[in-house]
């Protein structure tokens, strides 16, 4: 997965990239949970690792935006950006919850 460069994208494109990759990660996290229910533990870890890659890309973009603002470059706060950030943060939360739930489910199975 190639790294996104803020200077090559419009503000809208940055937001859509954040939404795209957060959405991909969310789908992979939910798929990991479904795979667990089907008993495919090996694919669960693979799917969660893939989700981490997508989230890492979004995190890097988000961090670049924070750095720009910390450096004095005021960022425009649009509804689209708020939506992108919400998508990112809720997917991070979902991933952490699923990673915590799977071991609990494994203990309950034994």
N, C-alpha and C. Protein backbone atom coordinates (compact mmCIF):
# COMPACT_ATOMS: atom_id res chain seq x y z
N UNK A 1 0.84 -1.17 0.00
CA UNK A 1 0.00 0.00 0.00
C UNK A 1 0.89 1.23 0.00
N UNK A 2 0.66 2.11 -0.96
CA UNK A 2 1.53 3.28 -1.07
C UNK A 2 1.09 4.37 -0.10
N UNK A 3 2.06 5.13 0.34
CA UNK A 3 1.81 6.20 1.30
C UNK A 3 1.22 7.40 0.58
N UNK A 4 0.26 8.05 1.22
CA UNK A 4 -0.38 9.23 0.65
C UNK A 4 0.44 10.47 1.00
N UNK A 5 0.58 11.35 0.02
CA UNK A 5 1.30 12.60 0.23
C UNK A 5 0.29 13.74 0.18
N UNK A 6 0.15 14.43 1.31
CA UNK A 6 -0.84 15.50 1.43
C UNK A 6 -0.68 16.58 0.36
N UNK A 7 0.55 16.92 0.06
CA UNK A 7 0.79 18.01 -0.88
C UNK A 7 0.30 17.69 -2.30
N UNK A 8 0.05 16.41 -2.59
CA UNK A 8 -0.42 16.00 -3.91
C UNK A 8 -1.94 15.89 -3.98
N UNK A 9 -2.63 16.12 -2.86
CA UNK A 9 -4.08 15.92 -2.79
C UNK A 9 -4.80 17.19 -2.37
N UNK A 10 -6.02 17.35 -2.86
CA UNK A 10 -6.86 18.44 -2.37
C UNK A 10 -7.39 18.04 -0.99
N UNK A 11 -7.96 19.00 -0.28
CA UNK A 11 -8.52 18.71 1.04
C UNK A 11 -9.61 17.64 0.94
N UNK A 12 -10.43 17.73 -0.11
CA UNK A 12 -11.50 16.74 -0.30
C UNK A 12 -10.92 15.36 -0.57
N UNK A 13 -9.88 15.29 -1.37
CA UNK A 13 -9.25 14.00 -1.68
C UNK A 13 -8.64 13.37 -0.43
N UNK A 14 -8.06 14.21 0.43
CA UNK A 14 -7.51 13.71 1.69
C UNK A 14 -8.63 13.07 2.50
N UNK A 15 -9.74 13.77 2.61
CA UNK A 15 -10.88 13.24 3.37
C UNK A 15 -11.39 11.93 2.77
N UNK A 16 -11.54 11.90 1.45
CA UNK A 16 -12.05 10.68 0.82
C UNK A 16 -11.08 9.52 0.97
N UNK A 17 -9.78 9.81 0.96
CA UNK A 17 -8.80 8.74 1.18
C UNK A 17 -8.90 8.21 2.62
N UNK A 18 -9.10 9.11 3.56
CA UNK A 18 -9.27 8.68 4.96
C UNK A 18 -10.52 7.81 5.11
N UNK A 19 -11.61 8.23 4.48
CA UNK A 19 -12.86 7.47 4.54
C UNK A 19 -12.70 6.12 3.86
N UNK A 20 -12.08 6.12 2.70
CA UNK A 20 -11.87 4.88 1.94
C UNK A 20 -11.09 3.85 2.75
N UNK A 21 -9.93 4.26 3.27
CA UNK A 21 -9.07 3.30 3.97
C UNK A 21 -9.63 2.92 5.34
N UNK A 22 -10.31 3.85 6.00
CA UNK A 22 -10.98 3.51 7.26
C UNK A 22 -12.11 2.52 6.99
N UNK A 23 -12.85 2.75 5.93
CA UNK A 23 -13.94 1.84 5.56
C UNK A 23 -13.43 0.46 5.20
N UNK A 24 -12.32 0.41 4.47
CA UNK A 24 -11.71 -0.89 4.14
C UNK A 24 -11.30 -1.61 5.42
N UNK A 25 -10.69 -0.88 6.33
CA UNK A 25 -10.26 -1.48 7.60
C UNK A 25 -11.46 -1.99 8.40
N UNK A 26 -12.52 -1.20 8.43
CA UNK A 26 -13.73 -1.60 9.16
C UNK A 26 -14.29 -2.91 8.59
N UNK A 27 -14.34 -3.00 7.27
CA UNK A 27 -14.83 -4.22 6.63
C UNK A 27 -13.96 -5.42 7.00
N UNK A 28 -12.66 -5.22 7.05
CA UNK A 28 -11.74 -6.30 7.38
C UNK A 28 -11.87 -6.73 8.84
N UNK A 29 -12.11 -5.77 9.72
CA UNK A 29 -12.30 -6.09 11.14
C UNK A 29 -13.57 -6.93 11.32
N UNK A 30 -14.64 -6.51 10.66
CA UNK A 30 -15.89 -7.28 10.75
C UNK A 30 -15.74 -8.65 10.11
N UNK A 31 -15.01 -8.71 9.00
CA UNK A 31 -14.76 -10.00 8.36
C UNK A 31 -13.95 -10.91 9.28
N UNK A 32 -13.01 -10.35 10.02
CA UNK A 32 -12.22 -11.14 10.97
C UNK A 32 -13.14 -11.77 12.02
N UNK A 33 -14.10 -11.01 12.50
CA UNK A 33 -15.04 -11.53 13.48
C UNK A 33 -15.89 -12.66 12.88
N UNK A 34 -16.32 -12.49 11.64
CA UNK A 34 -17.08 -13.55 10.95
C UNK A 34 -16.22 -14.80 10.76
N UNK A 35 -14.97 -14.59 10.39
CA UNK A 35 -14.06 -15.73 10.19
C UNK A 35 -13.83 -16.48 11.50
N UNK A 36 -13.77 -15.74 12.59
CA UNK A 36 -13.61 -16.39 13.89
C UNK A 36 -14.79 -17.30 14.16
N UNK A 37 -16.00 -16.79 13.90
CA UNK A 37 -17.20 -17.61 14.11
C UNK A 37 -17.18 -18.86 13.25
N UNK A 38 -16.56 -18.79 12.09
CA UNK A 38 -16.44 -19.94 11.19
C UNK A 38 -15.29 -20.85 11.59
N UNK A 39 -14.47 -20.43 12.55
CA UNK A 39 -13.37 -21.25 13.04
C UNK A 39 -12.06 -21.09 12.29
N UNK A 40 -11.95 -20.08 11.44
CA UNK A 40 -10.73 -19.89 10.64
C UNK A 40 -9.80 -18.89 11.33
N UNK A 41 -9.17 -19.33 12.42
CA UNK A 41 -8.34 -18.46 13.27
C UNK A 41 -7.16 -17.87 12.50
N UNK A 42 -6.55 -18.65 11.63
CA UNK A 42 -5.39 -18.16 10.88
C UNK A 42 -5.77 -16.96 10.02
N UNK A 43 -6.92 -17.03 9.37
CA UNK A 43 -7.37 -15.91 8.54
C UNK A 43 -7.80 -14.72 9.38
N UNK A 44 -8.24 -14.96 10.61
CA UNK A 44 -8.63 -13.87 11.50
C UNK A 44 -7.43 -12.95 11.71
N UNK A 45 -6.31 -13.51 12.07
CA UNK A 45 -5.11 -12.71 12.31
C UNK A 45 -4.63 -12.02 11.04
N UNK A 46 -4.75 -12.70 9.92
CA UNK A 46 -4.37 -12.11 8.63
C UNK A 46 -5.26 -10.91 8.31
N UNK A 47 -6.56 -11.07 8.52
CA UNK A 47 -7.51 -10.00 8.23
C UNK A 47 -7.29 -8.81 9.15
N UNK A 48 -7.00 -9.06 10.43
CA UNK A 48 -6.73 -7.96 11.37
C UNK A 48 -5.43 -7.25 11.00
N UNK A 49 -4.44 -8.00 10.54
CA UNK A 49 -3.18 -7.38 10.10
C UNK A 49 -3.42 -6.50 8.87
N UNK A 50 -4.27 -6.96 7.95
CA UNK A 50 -4.60 -6.15 6.77
C UNK A 50 -5.32 -4.86 7.19
N UNK A 51 -6.22 -4.98 8.16
CA UNK A 51 -6.93 -3.80 8.67
C UNK A 51 -5.93 -2.82 9.28
N UNK A 52 -4.94 -3.34 9.99
CA UNK A 52 -3.90 -2.49 10.60
C UNK A 52 -3.16 -1.69 9.52
N UNK A 53 -2.90 -2.32 8.38
CA UNK A 53 -2.21 -1.61 7.29
C UNK A 53 -3.03 -0.43 6.81
N UNK A 54 -4.33 -0.66 6.60
CA UNK A 54 -5.20 0.44 6.17
C UNK A 54 -5.24 1.55 7.21
N UNK A 55 -5.38 1.16 8.47
CA UNK A 55 -5.44 2.16 9.54
C UNK A 55 -4.12 2.90 9.71
N UNK A 56 -3.03 2.23 9.46
CA UNK A 56 -1.72 2.87 9.54
C UNK A 56 -1.61 3.98 8.49
N UNK A 57 -2.12 3.71 7.32
CA UNK A 57 -2.10 4.71 6.25
C UNK A 57 -2.92 5.94 6.66
N UNK A 58 -4.11 5.70 7.20
CA UNK A 58 -4.96 6.81 7.64
C UNK A 58 -4.29 7.56 8.79
N UNK A 59 -3.69 6.81 9.71
CA UNK A 59 -3.02 7.45 10.85
C UNK A 59 -1.91 8.37 10.38
N UNK A 60 -1.14 7.95 9.38
CA UNK A 60 -0.05 8.78 8.86
C UNK A 60 -0.58 10.08 8.26
N UNK A 61 -1.69 9.98 7.52
CA UNK A 61 -2.30 11.17 6.94
C UNK A 61 -2.80 12.09 8.06
N UNK A 62 -3.49 11.50 9.02
CA UNK A 62 -4.03 12.27 10.14
C UNK A 62 -2.90 12.96 10.90
N UNK A 63 -1.81 12.25 11.13
CA UNK A 63 -0.66 12.80 11.85
C UNK A 63 -0.04 13.96 11.07
N UNK A 64 0.03 13.82 9.75
CA UNK A 64 0.56 14.92 8.92
C UNK A 64 -0.30 16.17 9.06
N UNK A 65 -1.62 15.97 9.10
CA UNK A 65 -2.53 17.12 9.27
C UNK A 65 -2.32 17.78 10.63
N UNK A 66 -2.17 16.98 11.66
CA UNK A 66 -1.94 17.51 13.00
C UNK A 66 -0.60 18.27 13.04
N UNK A 67 0.43 17.71 12.42
CA UNK A 67 1.73 18.38 12.38
C UNK A 67 1.65 19.73 11.68
N UNK A 68 0.92 19.76 10.55
CA UNK A 68 0.78 21.02 9.83
C UNK A 68 0.12 22.08 10.71
N UNK A 69 -0.92 21.68 11.41
CA UNK A 69 -1.62 22.64 12.26
C UNK A 69 -0.73 23.06 13.44
N UNK A 70 0.00 22.11 14.02
CA UNK A 70 0.91 22.43 15.12
C UNK A 70 2.01 23.38 14.66
N UNK A 71 2.34 23.32 13.37
CA UNK A 71 3.35 24.21 12.81
C UNK A 71 2.81 25.57 12.42
N UNK A 72 1.53 25.81 12.73
CA UNK A 72 0.96 27.12 12.48
C UNK A 72 0.10 27.22 11.24
N UNK A 73 0.02 26.15 10.46
CA UNK A 73 -0.81 26.17 9.25
C UNK A 73 -2.23 25.74 9.62
N UNK A 74 -3.12 26.72 9.67
CA UNK A 74 -4.50 26.47 10.08
C UNK A 74 -5.20 25.55 9.08
N UNK A 75 -5.86 24.51 9.59
CA UNK A 75 -6.58 23.56 8.75
C UNK A 75 -8.06 23.93 8.72
N UNK A 76 -8.65 23.81 7.53
CA UNK A 76 -10.09 24.06 7.40
C UNK A 76 -10.84 22.86 8.00
N UNK A 77 -11.81 23.14 8.83
CA UNK A 77 -12.59 22.10 9.48
C UNK A 77 -13.93 21.97 8.77
N UNK A 78 -14.01 21.02 7.85
CA UNK A 78 -15.25 20.83 7.09
C UNK A 78 -16.03 19.65 7.67
N UNK A 79 -17.29 19.58 7.31
CA UNK A 79 -18.12 18.46 7.70
C UNK A 79 -17.55 17.16 7.12
N UNK A 80 -17.01 17.23 5.92
CA UNK A 80 -16.41 16.06 5.29
C UNK A 80 -15.21 15.57 6.10
N UNK A 81 -14.38 16.49 6.58
CA UNK A 81 -13.23 16.09 7.40
C UNK A 81 -13.69 15.49 8.72
N UNK A 82 -14.71 16.09 9.33
CA UNK A 82 -15.23 15.53 10.58
C UNK A 82 -15.76 14.11 10.36
N UNK A 83 -16.41 13.90 9.23
CA UNK A 83 -16.91 12.57 8.89
C UNK A 83 -15.75 11.58 8.72
N UNK A 84 -14.70 12.02 8.03
CA UNK A 84 -13.52 11.18 7.81
C UNK A 84 -12.86 10.82 9.13
N UNK A 85 -12.72 11.79 9.99
CA UNK A 85 -12.10 11.56 11.29
C UNK A 85 -12.96 10.63 12.16
N UNK A 86 -14.27 10.82 12.11
CA UNK A 86 -15.19 9.96 12.85
C UNK A 86 -15.09 8.52 12.35
N UNK A 87 -15.03 8.37 11.04
CA UNK A 87 -14.87 7.03 10.45
C UNK A 87 -13.60 6.37 10.98
N UNK A 88 -12.52 7.12 10.97
CA UNK A 88 -11.22 6.62 11.42
C UNK A 88 -11.26 6.21 12.89
N UNK A 89 -11.75 7.11 13.74
CA UNK A 89 -11.75 6.84 15.18
C UNK A 89 -12.69 5.70 15.55
N UNK A 90 -13.85 5.62 14.92
CA UNK A 90 -14.77 4.52 15.25
C UNK A 90 -14.20 3.18 14.78
N UNK A 91 -13.49 3.19 13.67
CA UNK A 91 -12.88 1.94 13.19
C UNK A 91 -11.74 1.52 14.11
N UNK A 92 -10.96 2.47 14.60
CA UNK A 92 -9.91 2.14 15.58
C UNK A 92 -10.52 1.49 16.82
N UNK A 93 -11.61 2.07 17.30
CA UNK A 93 -12.29 1.52 18.47
C UNK A 93 -12.81 0.12 18.20
N UNK A 94 -13.44 -0.05 17.04
CA UNK A 94 -13.98 -1.36 16.67
C UNK A 94 -12.86 -2.41 16.60
N UNK A 95 -11.74 -2.05 16.01
CA UNK A 95 -10.62 -2.99 15.89
C UNK A 95 -10.13 -3.43 17.27
N UNK A 96 -9.97 -2.46 18.17
CA UNK A 96 -9.51 -2.79 19.52
C UNK A 96 -10.51 -3.67 20.25
N UNK A 97 -11.79 -3.39 20.08
CA UNK A 97 -12.82 -4.21 20.72
C UNK A 97 -12.78 -5.65 20.21
N UNK A 98 -12.67 -5.82 18.90
CA UNK A 98 -12.63 -7.16 18.32
C UNK A 98 -11.38 -7.90 18.78
N UNK A 99 -10.25 -7.19 18.83
CA UNK A 99 -9.02 -7.83 19.30
C UNK A 99 -9.13 -8.27 20.75
N UNK A 100 -9.89 -7.56 21.55
CA UNK A 100 -10.11 -7.95 22.95
C UNK A 100 -11.16 -9.06 23.07
N UNK A 101 -12.15 -9.04 22.20
CA UNK A 101 -13.24 -10.02 22.29
C UNK A 101 -12.82 -11.42 21.86
N UNK A 102 -11.97 -11.51 20.85
CA UNK A 102 -11.60 -12.83 20.32
C UNK A 102 -10.98 -13.72 21.39
N UNK A 103 -10.01 -13.25 22.19
CA UNK A 103 -9.47 -14.11 23.26
C UNK A 103 -10.55 -14.51 24.28
N UNK A 104 -11.47 -13.61 24.55
CA UNK A 104 -12.56 -13.95 25.48
C UNK A 104 -13.40 -15.07 24.90
N UNK A 105 -13.72 -14.96 23.62
CA UNK A 105 -14.49 -16.03 22.96
C UNK A 105 -13.73 -17.34 22.97
N UNK A 106 -12.39 -17.27 22.78
CA UNK A 106 -11.57 -18.49 22.80
C UNK A 106 -11.62 -19.14 24.17
N UNK A 107 -11.56 -18.33 25.23
CA UNK A 107 -11.64 -18.87 26.59
C UNK A 107 -12.99 -19.51 26.85
N UNK A 108 -14.04 -18.90 26.37
CA UNK A 108 -15.38 -19.44 26.58
C UNK A 108 -15.58 -20.76 25.83
N UNK A 109 -14.88 -20.90 24.70
CA UNK A 109 -14.99 -22.14 23.92
C UNK A 109 -14.32 -23.31 24.62
N UNK A 110 -13.28 -23.04 25.41
CA UNK A 110 -12.52 -24.14 26.03
C UNK A 110 -13.12 -24.60 27.32
